[in-house]
Amino acid sequence: MRTTVKNRKTRAARIGRVIDKVTSDAQAKKMLAEVLKENAKALKTLAKL
């Protein structure tokens, strides 16, 4: 299967976009987990008062 240079570039760009999306999703999930952890800590300290 012969691919032209243009096809190869667009394919690489598409794959790169998918990878970016996946990594950004993972980072967002990680940040969300951190925020939830902080919230839980704050609620515990409030409950103690």
Protein backbone atom coordinates (compact mmCIF):
# COMPACT_ATOMS: atom_id res chain seq x y z
CA MET A 1 0.00 0.00 0.00
CA ARG A 2 1.58 3.25 -1.16
CA THR A 3 0.75 6.39 0.76
CA THR A 4 1.48 9.87 -0.42
CA VAL A 5 3.40 12.24 1.82
CA LYS A 6 0.22 14.26 2.42
CA ASN A 7 -1.72 11.18 3.54
CA ARG A 8 1.08 10.15 5.85
CA LYS A 9 1.16 13.62 7.43
CA THR A 10 -2.59 13.81 7.96
CA ARG A 11 -2.62 10.32 9.43
CA ALA A 12 0.18 11.22 11.84
CA ALA A 13 -1.67 14.41 12.80
CA ARG A 14 -4.88 12.48 13.43
CA ILE A 15 -3.10 9.93 15.62
CA GLY A 16 -1.37 12.77 17.47
CA ARG A 17 -4.74 14.42 18.14
CA VAL A 18 -6.17 11.19 19.51
CA ILE A 19 -3.15 10.72 21.78
CA ASP A 20 -3.44 14.34 22.97
CA LYS A 21 -7.12 13.83 23.74
CA VAL A 22 -6.46 10.64 25.70
CA THR A 23 -3.62 12.17 27.71
CA SER A 24 -5.60 15.33 28.46
CA ASP A 25 -8.55 13.17 29.58
CA ALA A 26 -6.23 11.24 31.90
CA GLN A 27 -4.81 14.48 33.33
CA ALA A 28 -8.32 15.87 33.84
CA LYS A 29 -9.34 12.69 35.69
CA LYS A 30 -6.22 12.91 37.86
CA MET A 31 -6.94 16.56 38.69
CA LEU A 32 -10.57 15.73 39.46
CA ALA A 33 -9.44 12.95 41.82
CA GLU A 34 -7.11 15.40 43.60
CA VAL A 35 -9.91 17.95 43.97
CA LEU A 36 -12.29 15.32 45.34
CA LYS A 37 -9.65 14.17 47.80
CA GLU A 38 -9.15 17.76 48.99
CA ASN A 39 -12.92 18.22 49.32
CA ALA A 40 -13.21 15.06 51.40
CA LYS A 41 -10.41 16.29 53.68
CA ALA A 42 -12.11 19.68 54.08
CA LEU A 43 -15.46 18.03 54.89
CA LYS A 44 -13.81 15.84 57.54
CA THR A 45 -12.22 18.87 59.22
CA LEU A 46 -15.55 20.71 59.09
CA ALA A 47 -17.33 17.74 60.65
CA LYS A 48 -14.84 17.81 63.55
CA LEU A 49 -15.67 21.44 64.40
